[in-house]
PDB file of all heavy atoms in Angstrom:
ATOM      1  N   SER A   1     -22.596 -13.842   6.358  1.00  0.00           N
ATOM      2  CA  SER A   1     -22.403 -15.184   5.848  1.00  0.00           C
ATOM      3  C   SER A   1     -21.368 -15.243   4.837  1.00  0.00           C
ATOM      4  O   SER A   1     -21.620 -15.315   3.658  1.00  0.00           O
ATOM      5  CB  SER A   1     -23.742 -15.686   5.294  1.00  0.00           C
ATOM      6  OG  SER A   1     -24.135 -14.867   4.282  1.00  0.00           O
ATOM      7  N   ALA A   2     -20.090 -15.115   5.210  1.00  0.00           N
ATOM      8  CA  ALA A   2     -18.954 -15.175   4.368  1.00  0.00           C
ATOM      9  C   ALA A   2     -17.811 -15.894   5.102  1.00  0.00           C
ATOM     10  O   ALA A   2     -17.739 -15.971   6.329  1.00  0.00           O
ATOM     11  CB  ALA A   2     -18.469 -13.727   4.085  1.00  0.00           C
ATOM     12  N   ARG A   3     -16.849 -16.297   4.360  1.00  0.00           N
ATOM     13  CA  ARG A   3     -15.690 -17.053   4.911  1.00  0.00           C
ATOM     14  C   ARG A   3     -14.463 -16.559   4.194  1.00  0.00           C
ATOM     15  O   ARG A   3     -14.332 -16.466   2.976  1.00  0.00           O
ATOM     16  CB  ARG A   3     -15.863 -18.540   4.675  1.00  0.00           C
ATOM     17  CG  ARG A   3     -14.811 -19.353   5.261  1.00  0.00           C
ATOM     18  CD  ARG A   3     -15.139 -20.851   5.128  1.00  0.00           C
ATOM     19  NE  ARG A   3     -15.559 -21.322   3.823  1.00  0.00           N
ATOM     20  CZ  ARG A   3     -14.908 -21.806   2.819  1.00  0.00           C
ATOM     21  NH1 ARG A   3     -13.567 -21.906   2.975  1.00  0.00           N
ATOM     22  NH2 ARG A   3     -15.347 -22.114   1.675  1.00  0.00           N
ATOM     23  N   ILE A   4     -13.409 -16.245   5.070  1.00  0.00           N
ATOM     24  CA  ILE A   4     -12.081 -15.802   4.478  1.00  0.00           C
ATOM     25  C   ILE A   4     -11.373 -17.111   4.124  1.00  0.00           C
ATOM     26  O   ILE A   4     -11.230 -18.002   5.035  1.00  0.00           O
ATOM     27  CB  ILE A   4     -11.293 -15.103   5.540  1.00  0.00           C
ATOM     28  CG1 ILE A   4     -11.977 -13.690   5.871  1.00  0.00           C
ATOM     29  CG2 ILE A   4      -9.829 -14.797   4.987  1.00  0.00           C
ATOM     30  CD1 ILE A   4     -11.301 -12.854   6.903  1.00  0.00           C
ATOM     31  N   VAL A   5     -10.929 -17.192   2.903  1.00  0.00           N
ATOM     32  CA  VAL A   5     -10.093 -18.421   2.474  1.00  0.00           C
ATOM     33  C   VAL A   5      -8.633 -18.094   2.363  1.00  0.00           C
ATOM     34  O   VAL A   5      -7.842 -18.945   2.387  1.00  0.00           O
ATOM     35  CB  VAL A   5     -10.697 -18.952   1.167  1.00  0.00           C
ATOM     36  CG1 VAL A   5     -12.041 -19.636   1.381  1.00  0.00           C
ATOM     37  CG2 VAL A   5     -10.652 -18.016   0.069  1.00  0.00           C
ATOM     38  N   ASP A   6      -8.323 -16.777   2.222  1.00  0.00           N
ATOM     39  CA  ASP A   6      -6.907 -16.439   2.183  1.00  0.00           C
ATOM     40  C   ASP A   6      -6.793 -14.980   2.256  1.00  0.00           C
ATOM     41  O   ASP A   6      -7.770 -14.220   2.006  1.00  0.00           O
ATOM     42  CB  ASP A   6      -6.362 -16.781   0.773  1.00  0.00           C
ATOM     43  CG  ASP A   6      -4.889 -16.421   0.685  1.00  0.00           C
ATOM     44  OD1 ASP A   6      -4.112 -16.754   1.571  1.00  0.00           O
ATOM     45  OD2 ASP A   6      -4.465 -15.863  -0.388  1.00  0.00           O
ATOM     46  N   ALA A   7      -5.793 -14.506   3.064  1.00  0.00           N
ATOM     47  CA  ALA A   7      -5.464 -13.103   3.169  1.00  0.00           C
ATOM     48  C   ALA A   7      -3.976 -12.845   3.050  1.00  0.00           C
ATOM     49  O   ALA A   7      -3.202 -13.686   3.595  1.00  0.00           O
ATOM     50  CB  ALA A   7      -5.952 -12.561   4.576  1.00  0.00           C
ATOM     51  N   ALA A   8      -3.676 -11.826   2.328  1.00  0.00           N
ATOM     52  CA  ALA A   8      -2.165 -11.597   2.250  1.00  0.00           C
ATOM     53  C   ALA A   8      -1.836 -10.070   2.105  1.00  0.00           C
ATOM     54  O   ALA A   8      -2.679  -9.304   1.622  1.00  0.00           O
ATOM     55  CB  ALA A   8      -1.695 -12.234   0.856  1.00  0.00           C
ATOM     56  N   ILE A   9      -0.657  -9.732   2.646  1.00  0.00           N
ATOM     57  CA  ILE A   9      -0.183  -8.401   2.438  1.00  0.00           C
ATOM     58  C   ILE A   9       0.823  -8.514   1.250  1.00  0.00           C
ATOM     59  O   ILE A   9       1.765  -9.210   1.344  1.00  0.00           O
ATOM     60  CB  ILE A   9       0.656  -8.014   3.681  1.00  0.00           C
ATOM     61  CG1 ILE A   9      -0.246  -8.068   5.001  1.00  0.00           C
ATOM     62  CG2 ILE A   9       1.141  -6.522   3.590  1.00  0.00           C
ATOM     63  CD1 ILE A   9      -1.465  -7.189   4.974  1.00  0.00           C
ATOM     64  N   VAL A  10       0.483  -7.669   0.201  1.00  0.00           N
ATOM     65  CA  VAL A  10       1.302  -7.830  -0.969  1.00  0.00           C
ATOM     66  C   VAL A  10       2.221  -6.594  -1.030  1.00  0.00           C
ATOM     67  O   VAL A  10       1.829  -5.368  -0.950  1.00  0.00           O
ATOM     68  CB  VAL A  10       0.342  -7.829  -2.285  1.00  0.00           C
ATOM     69  CG1 VAL A  10       1.213  -7.794  -3.557  1.00  0.00           C
ATOM     70  CG2 VAL A  10      -0.690  -8.957  -2.164  1.00  0.00           C
ATOM     71  N   ARG A  11       3.513  -6.907  -1.136  1.00  0.00           N
ATOM     72  CA  ARG A  11       4.478  -5.849  -1.139  1.00  0.00           C
ATOM     73  C   ARG A  11       5.129  -5.675  -2.510  1.00  0.00           C
ATOM     74  O   ARG A  11       5.698  -4.703  -2.892  1.00  0.00           O
ATOM     75  CB  ARG A  11       5.604  -6.130  -0.119  1.00  0.00           C
ATOM     76  CG  ARG A  11       5.117  -5.958   1.316  1.00  0.00           C
ATOM     77  CD  ARG A  11       6.102  -6.251   2.325  1.00  0.00           C
ATOM     78  NE  ARG A  11       5.786  -5.835   3.652  1.00  0.00           N
ATOM     79  CZ  ARG A  11       4.965  -6.488   4.518  1.00  0.00           C
ATOM     80  NH1 ARG A  11       4.517  -7.648   4.143  1.00  0.00           N
ATOM     81  NH2 ARG A  11       4.683  -5.939   5.673  1.00  0.00           N
ATOM     82  N   THR A  12       5.023  -6.722  -3.397  1.00  0.00           N
ATOM     83  CA  THR A  12       5.468  -6.708  -4.706  1.00  0.00           C
ATOM     84  C   THR A  12       4.532  -7.474  -5.621  1.00  0.00           C
ATOM     85  O   THR A  12       3.801  -8.387  -5.095  1.00  0.00           O
ATOM     86  CB  THR A  12       6.856  -7.351  -4.890  1.00  0.00           C
ATOM     87  OG1 THR A  12       6.809  -8.654  -4.508  1.00  0.00           O
ATOM     88  CG2 THR A  12       7.909  -6.583  -4.154  1.00  0.00           C
ATOM     89  N   TRP A  13       4.319  -7.164  -6.842  1.00  0.00           N
ATOM     90  CA  TRP A  13       3.583  -7.885  -7.757  1.00  0.00           C
ATOM     91  C   TRP A  13       4.452  -8.571  -8.714  1.00  0.00           C
ATOM     92  O   TRP A  13       5.057  -7.887  -9.665  1.00  0.00           O
ATOM     93  CB  TRP A  13       2.611  -6.887  -8.498  1.00  0.00           C
ATOM     94  CG  TRP A  13       1.577  -6.295  -7.615  1.00  0.00           C
ATOM     95  CD1 TRP A  13       0.717  -6.985  -6.791  1.00  0.00           C
ATOM     96  CD2 TRP A  13       1.157  -4.953  -7.613  1.00  0.00           C
ATOM     97  NE1 TRP A  13      -0.102  -6.125  -6.212  1.00  0.00           N
ATOM     98  CE2 TRP A  13       0.087  -4.862  -6.643  1.00  0.00           C
ATOM     99  CE3 TRP A  13       1.546  -3.797  -8.267  1.00  0.00           C
ATOM    100  CZ2 TRP A  13      -0.544  -3.642  -6.361  1.00  0.00           C
ATOM    101  CZ3 TRP A  13       0.877  -2.561  -7.918  1.00  0.00           C
ATOM    102  CH2 TRP A  13      -0.067  -2.563  -7.001  1.00  0.00           C
ATOM    103  N   PRO A  14       4.631  -9.833  -8.616  1.00  0.00           N
ATOM    104  CA  PRO A  14       5.508 -10.569  -9.518  1.00  0.00           C
ATOM    105  C   PRO A  14       5.218 -10.410 -10.959  1.00  0.00           C
ATOM    106  O   PRO A  14       3.961 -10.367 -11.330  1.00  0.00           O
ATOM    107  CB  PRO A  14       5.334 -12.081  -9.126  1.00  0.00           C
ATOM    108  CG  PRO A  14       4.853 -12.008  -7.767  1.00  0.00           C
ATOM    109  CD  PRO A  14       3.966 -10.702  -7.667  1.00  0.00           C
ATOM    110  N   GLY A  15       6.185 -10.169 -11.791  1.00  0.00           N
ATOM    111  CA  GLY A  15       5.975  -9.982 -13.196  1.00  0.00           C
ATOM    112  C   GLY A  15       5.511  -8.618 -13.647  1.00  0.00           C
ATOM    113  O   GLY A  15       5.178  -8.378 -14.733  1.00  0.00           O
ATOM    114  N   SER A  16       5.390  -7.690 -12.675  1.00  0.00           N
ATOM    115  CA  SER A  16       4.945  -6.344 -12.963  1.00  0.00           C
ATOM    116  C   SER A  16       6.053  -5.293 -12.724  1.00  0.00           C
ATOM    117  O   SER A  16       6.847  -5.524 -11.851  1.00  0.00           O
ATOM    118  CB  SER A  16       3.692  -6.017 -12.115  1.00  0.00           C
ATOM    119  OG  SER A  16       3.397  -4.631 -12.240  1.00  0.00           O
ATOM    120  N   GLU A  17       6.111  -4.359 -13.566  1.00  0.00           N
ATOM    121  CA  GLU A  17       7.063  -3.271 -13.365  1.00  0.00           C
ATOM    122  C   GLU A  17       6.685  -2.318 -12.196  1.00  0.00           C
ATOM    123  O   GLU A  17       7.479  -1.543 -11.693  1.00  0.00           O
ATOM    124  CB  GLU A  17       7.304  -2.510 -14.687  1.00  0.00           C
ATOM    125  CG  GLU A  17       7.906  -3.316 -15.734  1.00  0.00           C
ATOM    126  CD  GLU A  17       8.185  -2.451 -17.042  1.00  0.00           C
ATOM    127  OE1 GLU A  17       8.144  -1.303 -16.969  1.00  0.00           O
ATOM    128  OE2 GLU A  17       8.308  -3.177 -18.040  1.00  0.00           O
ATOM    129  N   LEU A  18       5.374  -2.321 -11.875  1.00  0.00           N
ATOM    130  CA  LEU A  18       4.903  -1.481 -10.787  1.00  0.00           C
ATOM    131  C   LEU A  18       4.844  -2.260  -9.527  1.00  0.00           C
ATOM    132  O   LEU A  18       4.762  -3.491  -9.421  1.00  0.00           O
ATOM    133  CB  LEU A  18       3.420  -1.014 -11.096  1.00  0.00           C
ATOM    134  CG  LEU A  18       3.324  -0.123 -12.403  1.00  0.00           C
ATOM    135  CD1 LEU A  18       1.844   0.140 -12.646  1.00  0.00           C
ATOM    136  CD2 LEU A  18       4.029   1.263 -12.172  1.00  0.00           C
ATOM    137  N   SER A  19       4.939  -1.527  -8.399  1.00  0.00           N
ATOM    138  CA  SER A  19       4.777  -2.066  -7.085  1.00  0.00           C
ATOM    139  C   SER A  19       3.659  -1.337  -6.278  1.00  0.00           C
ATOM    140  O   SER A  19       3.235  -0.299  -6.813  1.00  0.00           O
ATOM    141  CB  SER A  19       6.046  -1.865  -6.280  1.00  0.00           C
ATOM    142  OG  SER A  19       6.306  -0.496  -5.992  1.00  0.00           O
ATOM    143  N   PRO A  20       3.218  -1.844  -5.243  1.00  0.00           N
ATOM    144  CA  PRO A  20       2.282  -1.037  -4.440  1.00  0.00           C
ATOM    145  C   PRO A  20       2.705   0.320  -4.028  1.00  0.00           C
ATOM    146  O   PRO A  20       1.957   1.214  -4.057  1.00  0.00           O
ATOM    147  CB  PRO A  20       2.090  -1.926  -3.219  1.00  0.00           C
ATOM    148  CG  PRO A  20       2.336  -3.348  -3.680  1.00  0.00           C
ATOM    149  CD  PRO A  20       3.471  -3.202  -4.641  1.00  0.00           C
ATOM    150  N   ALA A  21       4.069   0.447  -3.865  1.00  0.00           N
ATOM    151  CA  ALA A  21       4.633   1.805  -3.564  1.00  0.00           C
ATOM    152  C   ALA A  21       4.418   2.747  -4.756  1.00  0.00           C
ATOM    153  O   ALA A  21       4.166   3.939  -4.560  1.00  0.00           O
ATOM    154  CB  ALA A  21       6.075   1.673  -3.229  1.00  0.00           C
ATOM    155  N   ASP A  22       4.424   2.278  -5.936  1.00  0.00           N
ATOM    156  CA  ASP A  22       4.182   3.092  -7.186  1.00  0.00           C
ATOM    157  C   ASP A  22       2.726   3.393  -7.234  1.00  0.00           C
ATOM    158  O   ASP A  22       2.414   4.590  -7.612  1.00  0.00           O
ATOM    159  CB  ASP A  22       4.630   2.338  -8.450  1.00  0.00           C
ATOM    160  CG  ASP A  22       6.075   1.998  -8.480  1.00  0.00           C
ATOM    161  OD1 ASP A  22       6.907   2.900  -7.982  1.00  0.00           O
ATOM    162  OD2 ASP A  22       6.481   0.906  -9.029  1.00  0.00           O
ATOM    163  N   VAL A  23       1.887   2.405  -7.072  1.00  0.00           N
ATOM    164  CA  VAL A  23       0.423   2.603  -7.319  1.00  0.00           C
ATOM    165  C   VAL A  23      -0.172   3.507  -6.235  1.00  0.00           C
ATOM    166  O   VAL A  23      -1.079   4.251  -6.473  1.00  0.00           O
ATOM    167  CB  VAL A  23      -0.311   1.228  -7.389  1.00  0.00           C
ATOM    168  CG1 VAL A  23      -1.807   1.382  -7.588  1.00  0.00           C
ATOM    169  CG2 VAL A  23       0.276   0.549  -8.699  1.00  0.00           C
ATOM    170  N   TYR A  24       0.239   3.256  -4.994  1.00  0.00           N
ATOM    171  CA  TYR A  24      -0.357   3.886  -3.823  1.00  0.00           C
ATOM    172  C   TYR A  24       0.544   4.977  -3.307  1.00  0.00           C
ATOM    173  O   TYR A  24       0.485   5.316  -2.083  1.00  0.00           O
ATOM    174  CB  TYR A  24      -0.686   2.841  -2.754  1.00  0.00           C
ATOM    175  CG  TYR A  24      -1.648   1.760  -3.158  1.00  0.00           C
ATOM    176  CD1 TYR A  24      -1.280   0.480  -3.307  1.00  0.00           C
ATOM    177  CD2 TYR A  24      -2.933   2.115  -3.617  1.00  0.00           C
ATOM    178  CE1 TYR A  24      -2.123  -0.514  -3.682  1.00  0.00           C
ATOM    179  CE2 TYR A  24      -3.831   1.153  -4.011  1.00  0.00           C
ATOM    180  CZ  TYR A  24      -3.353  -0.207  -4.095  1.00  0.00           C
ATOM    181  OH  TYR A  24      -4.296  -1.139  -4.511  1.00  0.00           O
ATOM    182  N   ASP A  25       1.410   5.577  -4.199  1.00  0.00           N
ATOM    183  CA  ASP A  25       2.290   6.705  -3.629  1.00  0.00           C
ATOM    184  C   ASP A  25       1.580   7.858  -3.055  1.00  0.00           C
ATOM    185  O   ASP A  25       2.138   8.555  -2.154  1.00  0.00           O
ATOM    186  CB  ASP A  25       3.232   7.030  -4.765  1.00  0.00           C
ATOM    187  CG  ASP A  25       2.513   7.766  -5.966  1.00  0.00           C
ATOM    188  OD1 ASP A  25       1.317   7.481  -6.093  1.00  0.00           O
ATOM    189  OD2 ASP A  25       3.199   8.431  -6.705  1.00  0.00           O
ATOM    190  N   HIS A  26       0.280   8.121  -3.460  1.00  0.00           N
ATOM    191  CA  HIS A  26      -0.445   9.210  -2.862  1.00  0.00           C
ATOM    192  C   HIS A  26      -0.689   8.948  -1.439  1.00  0.00           C
ATOM    193  O   HIS A  26      -0.908   9.970  -0.687  1.00  0.00           O
ATOM    194  CB  HIS A  26      -1.690   9.391  -3.662  1.00  0.00           C
ATOM    195  CG  HIS A  26      -2.621   8.206  -3.633  1.00  0.00           C
ATOM    196  ND1 HIS A  26      -2.442   7.135  -4.327  1.00  0.00           N
ATOM    197  CD2 HIS A  26      -3.739   8.076  -2.975  1.00  0.00           C
ATOM    198  CE1 HIS A  26      -3.401   6.203  -4.086  1.00  0.00           C
ATOM    199  NE2 HIS A  26      -4.206   6.841  -3.267  1.00  0.00           N
ATOM    200  N   LEU A  27      -0.661   7.784  -0.918  1.00  0.00           N
ATOM    201  CA  LEU A  27      -0.951   7.467   0.458  1.00  0.00           C
ATOM    202  C   LEU A  27       0.274   7.898   1.338  1.00  0.00           C
ATOM    203  O   LEU A  27      -0.008   8.490   2.442  1.00  0.00           O
ATOM    204  CB  LEU A  27      -1.302   5.994   0.651  1.00  0.00           C
ATOM    205  CG  LEU A  27      -2.504   5.434  -0.044  1.00  0.00           C
ATOM    206  CD1 LEU A  27      -2.653   3.997   0.182  1.00  0.00           C
ATOM    207  CD2 LEU A  27      -3.731   6.268   0.316  1.00  0.00           C
ATOM    208  N   ALA A  28       1.391   7.818   0.839  1.00  0.00           N
ATOM    209  CA  ALA A  28       2.597   8.238   1.551  1.00  0.00           C
ATOM    210  C   ALA A  28       2.612   9.758   1.650  1.00  0.00           C
ATOM    211  O   ALA A  28       2.870  10.421   2.706  1.00  0.00           O
ATOM    212  CB  ALA A  28       3.858   7.754   0.934  1.00  0.00           C
ATOM    213  N   GLU A  29       2.204  10.383   0.529  1.00  0.00           N
ATOM    214  CA  GLU A  29       2.073  11.859   0.521  1.00  0.00           C
ATOM    215  C   GLU A  29       0.987  12.302   1.436  1.00  0.00           C
ATOM    216  O   GLU A  29       1.123  13.328   2.079  1.00  0.00           O
ATOM    217  CB  GLU A  29       1.757  12.320  -0.928  1.00  0.00           C
ATOM    218  CG  GLU A  29       2.883  12.063  -1.882  1.00  0.00           C
ATOM    219  CD  GLU A  29       2.551  12.282  -3.270  1.00  0.00           C
ATOM    220  OE1 GLU A  29       1.509  12.986  -3.595  1.00  0.00           O
ATOM    221  OE2 GLU A  29       3.231  11.876  -4.234  1.00  0.00           O
ATOM    222  N   GLN A  30      -0.093  11.598   1.523  1.00  0.00           N
ATOM    223  CA  GLN A  30      -1.266  11.981   2.424  1.00  0.00           C
ATOM    224  C   GLN A  30      -0.703  11.926   3.919  1.00  0.00           C
ATOM    225  O   GLN A  30      -0.923  12.834   4.624  1.00  0.00           O
ATOM    226  CB  GLN A  30      -2.354  11.062   2.322  1.00  0.00           C
ATOM    227  CG  GLN A  30      -3.478  11.270   3.252  1.00  0.00           C
ATOM    228  CD  GLN A  30      -4.668  10.232   3.208  1.00  0.00           C
ATOM    229  OE1 GLN A  30      -4.696   9.478   2.138  1.00  0.00           O
ATOM    230  NE2 GLN A  30      -5.404  10.088   4.218  1.00  0.00           N
ATOM    231  N   TRP A  31       0.091  10.854   4.213  1.00  0.00           N
ATOM    232  CA  TRP A  31       0.624  10.809   5.616  1.00  0.00           C
ATOM    233  C   TRP A  31       1.520  11.956   5.891  1.00  0.00           C
ATOM    234  O   TRP A  31       1.429  12.577   6.933  1.00  0.00           O
ATOM    235  CB  TRP A  31       1.436   9.518   5.746  1.00  0.00           C
ATOM    236  CG  TRP A  31       2.104   9.439   7.033  1.00  0.00           C
ATOM    237  CD1 TRP A  31       3.415   9.844   7.265  1.00  0.00           C
ATOM    238  CD2 TRP A  31       1.579   9.001   8.294  1.00  0.00           C
ATOM    239  NE1 TRP A  31       3.752   9.709   8.649  1.00  0.00           N
ATOM    240  CE2 TRP A  31       2.580   9.208   9.280  1.00  0.00           C
ATOM    241  CE3 TRP A  31       0.310   8.510   8.736  1.00  0.00           C
ATOM    242  CZ2 TRP A  31       2.463   8.855  10.591  1.00  0.00           C
ATOM    243  CZ3 TRP A  31       0.225   8.251   9.996  1.00  0.00           C
ATOM    244  CH2 TRP A  31       1.207   8.400  10.992  1.00  0.00           C
ATOM    245  N   ALA A  32       2.390  12.320   4.937  1.00  0.00           N
ATOM    246  CA  ALA A  32       3.307  13.384   5.069  1.00  0.00           C
ATOM    247  C   ALA A  32       2.581  14.750   5.347  1.00  0.00           C
ATOM    248  O   ALA A  32       3.005  15.527   6.151  1.00  0.00           O
ATOM    249  CB  ALA A  32       4.237  13.532   3.939  1.00  0.00           C
ATOM    250  N   VAL A  33       1.523  14.936   4.582  1.00  0.00           N
ATOM    251  CA  VAL A  33       0.673  16.203   4.784  1.00  0.00           C
ATOM    252  C   VAL A  33      -0.056  16.235   6.145  1.00  0.00           C
ATOM    253  O   VAL A  33      -0.046  17.295   6.831  1.00  0.00           O
ATOM    254  CB  VAL A  33      -0.289  16.339   3.545  1.00  0.00           C
ATOM    255  CG1 VAL A  33      -1.369  17.420   3.880  1.00  0.00           C
ATOM    256  CG2 VAL A  33       0.394  16.626   2.269  1.00  0.00           C
ATOM    257  N   GLU A  34      -0.616  15.038   6.469  1.00  0.00           N
ATOM    258  CA  GLU A  34      -1.345  15.018   7.717  1.00  0.00           C
ATOM    259  C   GLU A  34      -0.523  14.993   9.058  1.00  0.00           C
ATOM    260  O   GLU A  34      -0.923  15.314  10.096  1.00  0.00           O
ATOM    261  CB  GLU A  34      -2.337  13.824   7.728  1.00  0.00           C
ATOM    262  CG  GLU A  34      -3.421  13.896   6.636  1.00  0.00           C
ATOM    263  CD  GLU A  34      -4.314  12.730   6.641  1.00  0.00           C
ATOM    264  OE1 GLU A  34      -3.922  11.671   7.088  1.00  0.00           O
ATOM    265  OE2 GLU A  34      -5.321  12.847   5.868  1.00  0.00           O
ATOM    266  N   HIS A  35       0.707  14.610   8.812  1.00  0.00           N
ATOM    267  CA  HIS A  35       1.656  14.447  10.023  1.00  0.00           C
ATOM    268  C   HIS A  35       3.031  15.121   9.688  1.00  0.00           C
ATOM    269  O   HIS A  35       4.040  14.485   9.615  1.00  0.00           O
ATOM    270  CB  HIS A  35       1.885  13.032  10.266  1.00  0.00           C
ATOM    271  CG  HIS A  35       0.654  12.174  10.538  1.00  0.00           C
ATOM    272  ND1 HIS A  35      -0.146  11.621   9.641  1.00  0.00           N
ATOM    273  CD2 HIS A  35       0.035  11.964  11.744  1.00  0.00           C
ATOM    274  CE1 HIS A  35      -1.180  11.094  10.162  1.00  0.00           C
ATOM    275  NE2 HIS A  35      -1.117  11.255  11.484  1.00  0.00           N
ATOM    276  N   PRO A  36       3.054  16.394   9.442  1.00  0.00           N
ATOM    277  CA  PRO A  36       4.179  17.149   8.944  1.00  0.00           C
ATOM    278  C   PRO A  36       5.422  16.952   9.789  1.00  0.00           C
ATOM    279  O   PRO A  36       6.495  17.092   9.299  1.00  0.00           O
ATOM    280  CB  PRO A  36       3.680  18.628   8.721  1.00  0.00           C
ATOM    281  CG  PRO A  36       2.651  18.736   9.684  1.00  0.00           C
ATOM    282  CD  PRO A  36       1.928  17.338   9.743  1.00  0.00           C
ATOM    283  N   ALA A  37       5.243  16.867  11.094  1.00  0.00           N
ATOM    284  CA  ALA A  37       6.448  16.868  11.949  1.00  0.00           C
ATOM    285  C   ALA A  37       6.821  15.464  12.434  1.00  0.00           C
ATOM    286  O   ALA A  37       7.729  15.310  13.214  1.00  0.00           O
ATOM    287  CB  ALA A  37       6.244  17.788  13.239  1.00  0.00           C
ATOM    288  N   GLN A  38       6.111  14.417  11.895  1.00  0.00           N
ATOM    289  CA  GLN A  38       6.420  13.070  12.326  1.00  0.00           C
ATOM    290  C   GLN A  38       7.047  12.264  11.241  1.00  0.00           C
ATOM    291  O   GLN A  38       6.798  12.414  10.086  1.00  0.00           O
ATOM    292  CB  GLN A  38       5.062  12.378  12.728  1.00  0.00           C
ATOM    293  CG  GLN A  38       4.421  12.853  13.942  1.00  0.00           C
ATOM    294  CD  GLN A  38       3.109  12.123  14.237  1.00  0.00           C
ATOM    295  OE1 GLN A  38       2.464  11.620  13.348  1.00  0.00           O
ATOM    296  NE2 GLN A  38       2.851  11.961  15.504  1.00  0.00           N
ATOM    297  N   SER A  39       7.853  11.336  11.703  1.00  0.00           N
ATOM    298  CA  SER A  39       8.518  10.404  10.806  1.00  0.00           C
ATOM    299  C   SER A  39       7.552   9.348  10.432  1.00  0.00           C
ATOM    300  O   SER A  39       6.593   8.992  11.264  1.00  0.00           O
ATOM    301  CB  SER A  39       9.731   9.737  11.576  1.00  0.00           C
ATOM    302  OG  SER A  39      10.064   8.587  10.851  1.00  0.00           O
TER     303      SER A  39
END
């Protein structure tokens, strides 16, 4: 019993010096470790 009122993919946070790439950088590292030979 829930309703989605909005959904968004956030690539930048306006007014912030940080970006999702800065905050979630460990996820890119995780990908690289789990897929060493893949782009």
